[in-house]
């Protein structure tokens, strides 16, 4: 007769998070479906659609404005760039923990609706790239207010 000692996990939520992390790493769920390059790192992004525009915000902390390129082609928006490591090359140092990705990145976003290419604007502030993509035919006309005697 064999006796098997079973130890149940007391922290079910922790077990659940651990299993999800393992599954995500196996399936690589964090990389975008349309990104042709699997090298480098993948910045986080939000896509928000309002009545008059689609807005994309990309977290690019530590990336210089000069190292970012944004292009638009019919139904796709492409953001590419590069983030350099925190330590200059050739410096004698040892990482004790390294979570921030560095190197080249590429994100390709499929637009959820038609976009007017003449109404695309991008700004970069505090490490956040914000791209405004105006929808065609949606330009608020100036409101004329009639003045009565």
Protein backbone atom coordinates (compact mmCIF):
# COMPACT_ATOMS: atom_id res chain seq x y z
CA UNK A 1 0.00 0.00 0.00
CA UNK A 2 1.29 3.42 -0.96
CA UNK A 3 0.48 6.62 0.84
CA UNK A 4 0.44 9.71 -1.33
CA UNK A 5 0.62 13.05 0.39
CA UNK A 6 -1.33 15.75 -1.44
CA UNK A 7 -0.81 19.41 -0.65
CA UNK A 8 -3.62 21.65 -1.88
CA UNK A 9 -2.80 25.18 -2.93
CA UNK A 10 -3.98 27.60 -0.29
CA UNK A 11 -3.64 30.55 -2.64
CA UNK A 12 -5.97 29.61 -5.51
CA UNK A 13 -5.72 33.11 -7.06
CA UNK A 14 -1.91 32.86 -7.08
CA UNK A 15 -2.08 29.45 -8.71
CA UNK A 16 -4.47 30.84 -11.34
CA UNK A 17 -2.13 33.78 -12.13
CA UNK A 18 0.87 31.45 -12.35
CA UNK A 19 -0.92 29.13 -14.77
CA UNK A 20 -2.04 32.08 -16.93
CA UNK A 21 1.53 33.44 -17.11
CA UNK A 22 2.82 30.04 -18.20
CA UNK A 23 0.11 29.64 -20.84
CA UNK A 24 0.66 33.17 -22.18
CA UNK A 25 4.40 32.62 -22.45
CA UNK A 26 3.85 29.32 -24.25
CA UNK A 27 1.36 30.83 -26.69
CA UNK A 28 3.06 34.24 -26.91
CA UNK A 29 -0.27 36.05 -26.53
CA UNK A 30 1.33 39.43 -25.94
CA UNK A 31 2.73 39.81 -29.45
CA UNK A 32 0.45 41.45 -32.02
CA UNK A 33 -1.05 39.20 -34.65
CA UNK A 34 0.06 41.36 -37.57
CA UNK A 35 3.57 42.15 -36.41
CA UNK A 36 5.91 40.59 -38.96
CA UNK A 37 8.87 40.68 -36.62
CA UNK A 38 8.99 38.49 -33.56
CA UNK A 39 12.29 40.05 -32.47
CA UNK A 40 12.59 42.90 -30.04
CA UNK A 41 9.84 43.96 -27.70
CA UNK A 42 6.19 44.87 -28.11
CA UNK A 43 4.96 48.16 -26.63
CA UNK A 44 1.53 48.29 -25.02
CA UNK A 45 -1.21 50.11 -26.95
CA UNK A 46 -4.83 51.20 -26.59
CA UNK A 47 -7.21 51.85 -29.50
CA UNK A 48 -10.17 54.08 -28.71
CA UNK A 49 -12.93 54.92 -31.20
CA UNK A 50 -15.16 57.94 -30.75
CA UNK A 51 -17.80 59.47 -32.98
CA UNK A 52 -15.29 61.50 -34.98
CA UNK A 53 -11.96 59.69 -34.71
CA UNK A 54 -9.92 56.65 -33.84
CA UNK A 55 -7.20 57.35 -31.26
CA UNK A 56 -4.23 55.07 -30.70
CA UNK A 57 -2.01 55.48 -27.66
CA UNK A 58 1.28 53.61 -27.53
CA UNK A 59 3.42 53.36 -24.38
CA UNK A 60 6.94 54.23 -25.52
CA UNK A 61 8.67 55.16 -22.26
CA UNK A 62 12.39 55.56 -22.79
CA UNK A 63 12.10 55.96 -26.57
CA UNK A 64 13.33 59.16 -28.20
CA UNK A 65 10.97 61.01 -30.56
CA UNK A 66 13.64 60.80 -33.27
CA UNK A 67 13.57 56.99 -33.07
CA UNK A 68 9.84 56.69 -33.85
CA UNK A 69 8.31 56.32 -37.32
CA UNK A 70 4.56 56.28 -38.01
CA UNK A 71 3.08 55.41 -41.40
CA UNK A 72 -0.44 54.82 -42.70
CA UNK A 73 -1.55 52.71 -45.66
CA UNK A 74 -5.28 52.34 -46.40
CA UNK A 75 -6.36 50.11 -43.50
CA UNK A 76 -3.14 49.72 -41.51
CA UNK A 77 -1.19 52.00 -39.22
CA UNK A 78 2.43 51.04 -38.59
CA UNK A 79 4.55 52.24 -35.68
CA UNK A 80 8.24 51.29 -35.65
CA UNK A 81 11.14 52.43 -33.55
CA UNK A 82 13.97 51.55 -31.25
CA UNK A 83 14.65 51.78 -27.53
CA UNK A 84 18.23 51.59 -26.36
CA UNK A 85 19.28 49.76 -23.17
CA UNK A 86 19.65 51.80 -19.99
CA UNK A 87 23.39 51.18 -19.91
CA UNK A 88 25.59 52.42 -22.78
CA UNK A 89 27.40 49.69 -24.74
CA UNK A 90 30.84 48.84 -23.38
CA UNK A 91 29.95 49.77 -19.80
CA UNK A 92 30.97 47.20 -17.24
CA UNK A 93 27.76 46.41 -15.38
CA UNK A 94 25.61 43.46 -14.41
CA UNK A 95 21.83 43.41 -14.52
CA UNK A 96 20.17 42.00 -11.42
CA UNK A 97 16.73 42.27 -12.95
CA UNK A 98 15.83 43.08 -16.56
CA UNK A 99 12.16 43.51 -17.44
CA UNK A 100 12.20 46.47 -19.82
CA UNK A 101 12.64 45.45 -23.42
CA UNK A 102 15.12 47.21 -25.67
CA UNK A 103 15.97 47.09 -29.32
CA UNK A 104 13.70 47.47 -32.33
CA UNK A 105 9.93 47.20 -32.17
CA UNK A 106 7.09 47.21 -34.66
CA UNK A 107 3.33 47.41 -34.18
CA UNK A 108 0.83 47.18 -37.01
CA UNK A 109 -2.75 48.16 -36.22
CA UNK A 110 -5.81 47.34 -38.34
CA UNK A 111 -8.22 50.24 -38.43
CA UNK A 112 -11.74 49.42 -37.18
CA UNK A 113 -13.28 51.92 -39.63
CA UNK A 114 -12.42 54.14 -42.61
CA UNK A 115 -9.90 56.90 -41.93
CA UNK A 116 -9.31 60.22 -43.68
CA UNK A 117 -5.54 60.28 -44.38
CA UNK A 118 -5.58 64.10 -44.39
CA UNK A 119 -6.77 64.10 -40.78
CA UNK A 120 -4.02 62.08 -39.10
CA UNK A 121 -2.01 63.77 -36.37
CA UNK A 122 0.52 62.37 -33.90
CA UNK A 123 2.02 63.76 -30.72
CA UNK A 124 4.63 62.39 -28.33
CA UNK A 125 4.67 63.54 -24.72
CA UNK A 126 5.98 61.92 -21.52
CA UNK A 127 6.67 58.62 -23.28
CA UNK A 128 3.15 58.31 -24.69
CA UNK A 129 2.64 58.38 -28.47
CA UNK A 130 -0.90 59.53 -29.27
CA UNK A 131 -2.17 59.24 -32.84
CA UNK A 132 -5.47 60.87 -33.84
CA UNK A 133 -7.03 59.42 -36.99
CA UNK A 134 -10.05 61.43 -38.14
CA UNK A 135 -12.99 59.70 -39.76
CA UNK A 136 -13.98 60.88 -43.27
CA UNK A 137 -16.84 63.32 -43.49
CA UNK A 138 -16.83 64.03 -39.79
CA UNK A 139 -15.72 67.59 -39.36
CA UNK A 140 -17.75 69.66 -37.02
CA UNK A 141 -19.04 72.68 -38.87
CA UNK A 142 -18.62 75.97 -37.05
CA UNK A 143 -21.74 76.79 -35.12
CA UNK A 144 -23.36 80.03 -36.26
CA UNK A 145 -25.24 81.85 -33.56
CA UNK A 146 -27.82 84.34 -34.67
CA UNK A 147 -27.85 87.59 -32.71
CA UNK A 148 -31.28 89.17 -32.23
CA UNK A 149 -32.11 92.80 -31.33
